[in-house]
């Protein structure tokens, strides 16, 4: 499994935040608390990292990533009742733009933290699709 150790550290940090804060708070509270927890764990967390998206060499604009951890894992926080297919697509697009392989969708809205690990579509598969 790619980046297993870092992924587990991020998941443990998210669980600590969710256990302490519970569900139902606005997105920015979880983002700030997770930033504190990640740094406490010694992880390098870029917050609101801008990601430039391109199509055929032309700029489409920028999206922000909640976290890029150790320049290896993209983390998106979700505060809606359920994780939608759009969130998976957005994360895969961000992984592709950053040329990274692993991302996490963390949904703090439920009684239990919902964690989804997402891997980028391999380049060979993306080219044949």
C-alpha atoms as a PDB file:
ATOM      1  CA  UNK A   1       0.000   0.000   0.000  1.00  0.00           C
ATOM      2  CA  UNK A   2       1.413   3.388  -1.033  1.00  0.00           C
ATOM      3  CA  UNK A   3       2.429   5.752   1.767  1.00  0.00           C
ATOM      4  CA  UNK A   4       0.908   3.451   4.366  1.00  0.00           C
ATOM      5  CA  UNK A   5       2.727   4.969   7.358  1.00  0.00           C
ATOM      6  CA  UNK A   6       1.927   8.599   6.537  1.00  0.00           C
ATOM      7  CA  UNK A   7      -1.660   7.695   5.662  1.00  0.00           C
ATOM      8  CA  UNK A   8      -2.076   5.995   9.031  1.00  0.00           C
ATOM      9  CA  UNK A   9      -0.625   9.011  10.847  1.00  0.00           C
ATOM     10  CA  UNK A  10      -3.118  11.310   9.104  1.00  0.00           C
ATOM     11  CA  UNK A  11      -5.997   8.957   9.931  1.00  0.00           C
ATOM     12  CA  UNK A  12      -4.933   8.803  13.580  1.00  0.00           C
ATOM     13  CA  UNK A  13      -4.747  12.604  13.715  1.00  0.00           C
ATOM     14  CA  UNK A  14      -8.226  12.905  12.157  1.00  0.00           C
ATOM     15  CA  UNK A  15      -9.628  10.391  14.658  1.00  0.00           C
ATOM     16  CA  UNK A  16      -8.154  12.402  17.538  1.00  0.00           C
ATOM     17  CA  UNK A  17      -9.795  15.584  16.198  1.00  0.00           C
ATOM     18  CA  UNK A  18     -13.156  13.873  15.667  1.00  0.00           C
ATOM     19  CA  UNK A  19     -13.067  12.239  19.113  1.00  0.00           C
ATOM     20  CA  UNK A  20     -12.356  15.603  20.735  1.00  0.00           C
ATOM     21  CA  UNK A  21     -14.624  17.908  18.704  1.00  0.00           C
ATOM     22  CA  UNK A  22     -17.409  15.512  17.690  1.00  0.00           C
ATOM     23  CA  UNK A  23     -19.599  16.033  14.627  1.00  0.00           C
ATOM     24  CA  UNK A  24     -21.501  18.999  13.273  1.00  0.00           C
ATOM     25  CA  UNK A  25     -19.026  21.874  13.349  1.00  0.00           C
ATOM     26  CA  UNK A  26     -18.210  24.011  10.315  1.00  0.00           C
ATOM     27  CA  UNK A  27     -15.416  22.830   8.017  1.00  0.00           C
ATOM     28  CA  UNK A  28     -12.901  25.470   9.134  1.00  0.00           C
ATOM     29  CA  UNK A  29     -12.869  24.205  12.751  1.00  0.00           C
ATOM     30  CA  UNK A  30     -11.897  20.695  11.676  1.00  0.00           C
ATOM     31  CA  UNK A  31      -9.310  22.033   9.248  1.00  0.00           C
ATOM     32  CA  UNK A  32      -7.626  24.168  11.907  1.00  0.00           C
ATOM     33  CA  UNK A  33      -7.740  21.376  14.531  1.00  0.00           C
ATOM     34  CA  UNK A  34      -6.350  18.837  12.056  1.00  0.00           C
ATOM     35  CA  UNK A  35      -3.571  21.239  11.111  1.00  0.00           C
ATOM     36  CA  UNK A  36      -2.599  21.487  14.796  1.00  0.00           C
ATOM     37  CA  UNK A  37      -2.769  17.705  15.233  1.00  0.00           C
ATOM     38  CA  UNK A  38      -0.715  16.964  12.092  1.00  0.00           C
ATOM     39  CA  UNK A  39       2.012  19.355  13.156  1.00  0.00           C
ATOM     40  CA  UNK A  40       1.990  17.882  16.673  1.00  0.00           C
ATOM     41  CA  UNK A  41       2.628  14.494  15.028  1.00  0.00           C
ATOM     42  CA  UNK A  42       5.622  15.965  13.169  1.00  0.00           C
ATOM     43  CA  UNK A  43       4.024  15.927   9.732  1.00  0.00           C
ATOM     44  CA  UNK A  44       4.569  18.747   7.232  1.00  0.00           C
ATOM     45  CA  UNK A  45       1.090  19.973   6.325  1.00  0.00           C
ATOM     46  CA  UNK A  46       0.562  22.536   3.587  1.00  0.00           C
ATOM     47  CA  UNK A  47      -2.855  24.097   4.254  1.00  0.00           C
ATOM     48  CA  UNK A  48      -5.078  25.393   1.437  1.00  0.00           C
ATOM     49  CA  UNK A  49      -2.451  24.448  -1.123  1.00  0.00           C
ATOM     50  CA  UNK A  50      -3.382  25.998  -4.463  1.00  0.00           C
ATOM     51  CA  UNK A  51      -3.570  23.538  -7.347  1.00  0.00           C
ATOM     52  CA  UNK A  52      -3.526  24.812 -10.911  1.00  0.00           C
ATOM     53  CA  UNK A  53      -5.629  22.819 -13.334  1.00  0.00           C
ATOM     54  CA  UNK A  54      -4.816  22.730 -17.044  1.00  0.00           C
ATOM     55  CA  UNK A  55      -6.438  21.411 -20.165  1.00  0.00           C
ATOM     56  CA  UNK A  56      -4.386  20.974 -23.342  1.00  0.00           C
ATOM     57  CA  UNK A  57      -1.753  23.323 -21.990  1.00  0.00           C
ATOM     58  CA  UNK A  58      -4.218  26.073 -21.091  1.00  0.00           C
ATOM     59  CA  UNK A  59      -4.913  27.151 -17.541  1.00  0.00           C
ATOM     60  CA  UNK A  60      -8.425  26.475 -16.241  1.00  0.00           C
ATOM     61  CA  UNK A  61      -7.890  28.071 -12.843  1.00  0.00           C
ATOM     62  CA  UNK A  62      -7.094  26.968  -9.327  1.00  0.00           C
ATOM     63  CA  UNK A  63      -8.620  24.754  -6.679  1.00  0.00           C
ATOM     64  CA  UNK A  64      -7.524  24.588  -3.080  1.00  0.00           C
ATOM     65  CA  UNK A  65      -6.551  21.396  -1.289  1.00  0.00           C
ATOM     66  CA  UNK A  66      -7.292  21.314   2.439  1.00  0.00           C
ATOM     67  CA  UNK A  67      -3.943  19.624   3.099  1.00  0.00           C
ATOM     68  CA  UNK A  68      -0.976  18.248   1.275  1.00  0.00           C
ATOM     69  CA  UNK A  69       0.887  16.161   3.847  1.00  0.00           C
ATOM     70  CA  UNK A  70       4.623  15.527   3.496  1.00  0.00           C
ATOM     71  CA  UNK A  71       4.287  16.392  -0.208  1.00  0.00           C
ATOM     72  CA  UNK A  72       2.821  12.894  -0.644  1.00  0.00           C
ATOM     73  CA  UNK A  73      -0.850  12.755   0.394  1.00  0.00           C
ATOM     74  CA  UNK A  74      -3.762  15.020  -0.477  1.00  0.00           C
ATOM     75  CA  UNK A  75      -6.405  15.384   2.229  1.00  0.00           C
ATOM     76  CA  UNK A  76      -9.871  16.787   1.605  1.00  0.00           C
ATOM     77  CA  UNK A  77     -12.279  17.414   4.457  1.00  0.00           C
ATOM     78  CA  UNK A  78     -15.989  16.898   3.906  1.00  0.00           C
ATOM     79  CA  UNK A  79     -18.731  18.262   6.110  1.00  0.00           C
ATOM     80  CA  UNK A  80     -21.803  17.026   4.247  1.00  0.00           C
ATOM     81  CA  UNK A  81     -24.010  14.141   5.413  1.00  0.00           C
ATOM     82  CA  UNK A  82     -22.565  11.699   2.861  1.00  0.00           C
ATOM     83  CA  UNK A  83     -19.474  11.459   0.697  1.00  0.00           C
ATOM     84  CA  UNK A  84     -20.588  11.958  -2.895  1.00  0.00           C
ATOM     85  CA  UNK A  85     -19.078  10.555  -6.098  1.00  0.00           C
ATOM     86  CA  UNK A  86     -18.168  14.157  -6.999  1.00  0.00           C
ATOM     87  CA  UNK A  87     -15.769  14.259  -4.058  1.00  0.00           C
ATOM     88  CA  UNK A  88     -13.929  11.185  -5.384  1.00  0.00           C
ATOM     89  CA  UNK A  89     -13.675  12.765  -8.836  1.00  0.00           C
ATOM     90  CA  UNK A  90     -12.416  16.048  -7.410  1.00  0.00           C
ATOM     91  CA  UNK A  91      -9.775  14.261  -5.353  1.00  0.00           C
ATOM     92  CA  UNK A  92      -8.599  12.215  -8.360  1.00  0.00           C
ATOM     93  CA  UNK A  93      -8.343  15.403 -10.459  1.00  0.00           C
ATOM     94  CA  UNK A  94      -6.277  17.053  -7.720  1.00  0.00           C
ATOM     95  CA  UNK A  95      -4.026  14.009  -7.413  1.00  0.00           C
ATOM     96  CA  UNK A  96      -3.452  14.083 -11.166  1.00  0.00           C
ATOM     97  CA  UNK A  97      -2.690  17.831 -11.170  1.00  0.00           C
ATOM     98  CA  UNK A  98      -0.226  17.437  -8.290  1.00  0.00           C
ATOM     99  CA  UNK A  99       1.205  14.195  -9.729  1.00  0.00           C
ATOM    100  CA  UNK A 100       0.572  12.395  -6.442  1.00  0.00           C
ATOM    101  CA  UNK A 101      -0.771   8.905  -5.933  1.00  0.00           C
ATOM    102  CA  UNK A 102      -2.773   8.850  -2.685  1.00  0.00           C
ATOM    103  CA  UNK A 103      -5.488  10.959  -1.139  1.00  0.00           C
ATOM    104  CA  UNK A 104      -7.873  10.820   1.790  1.00  0.00           C
ATOM    105  CA  UNK A 105     -11.460  12.017   2.023  1.00  0.00           C
ATOM    106  CA  UNK A 106     -12.308  12.685   5.670  1.00  0.00           C
ATOM    107  CA  UNK A 107     -15.959  13.261   6.550  1.00  0.00           C
ATOM    108  CA  UNK A 108     -16.357  14.711  10.048  1.00  0.00           C
ATOM    109  CA  UNK A 109     -20.141  15.083   9.830  1.00  0.00           C
ATOM    110  CA  UNK A 110     -21.223  11.718  11.272  1.00  0.00           C
ATOM    111  CA  UNK A 111     -21.150  10.176  14.709  1.00  0.00           C
ATOM    112  CA  UNK A 112     -18.138   8.247  13.403  1.00  0.00           C
ATOM    113  CA  UNK A 113     -15.367   9.691  11.255  1.00  0.00           C
ATOM    114  CA  UNK A 114     -15.811   8.444   7.662  1.00  0.00           C
ATOM    115  CA  UNK A 115     -12.434   7.790   6.029  1.00  0.00           C
ATOM    116  CA  UNK A 116     -12.025   7.036   2.322  1.00  0.00           C
ATOM    117  CA  UNK A 117      -8.612   6.283   0.825  1.00  0.00           C
ATOM    118  CA  UNK A 118      -8.355   7.120  -2.867  1.00  0.00           C
ATOM    119  CA  UNK A 119      -5.571   6.258  -5.263  1.00  0.00           C
ATOM    120  CA  UNK A 120      -4.881   8.127  -8.473  1.00  0.00           C
ATOM    121  CA  UNK A 121      -5.698   6.433 -11.737  1.00  0.00           C
ATOM    122  CA  UNK A 122      -2.409   4.941 -12.987  1.00  0.00           C
ATOM    123  CA  UNK A 123      -1.017   6.768 -16.038  1.00  0.00           C
ATOM    124  CA  UNK A 124      -1.200   3.653 -18.256  1.00  0.00           C
ATOM    125  CA  UNK A 125      -4.864   3.127 -17.369  1.00  0.00           C
ATOM    126  CA  UNK A 126      -5.678   6.828 -17.814  1.00  0.00           C
ATOM    127  CA  UNK A 127      -4.147   6.834 -21.305  1.00  0.00           C
ATOM    128  CA  UNK A 128      -6.111   3.786 -22.488  1.00  0.00           C
ATOM    129  CA  UNK A 129      -9.427   4.933 -21.009  1.00  0.00           C
END
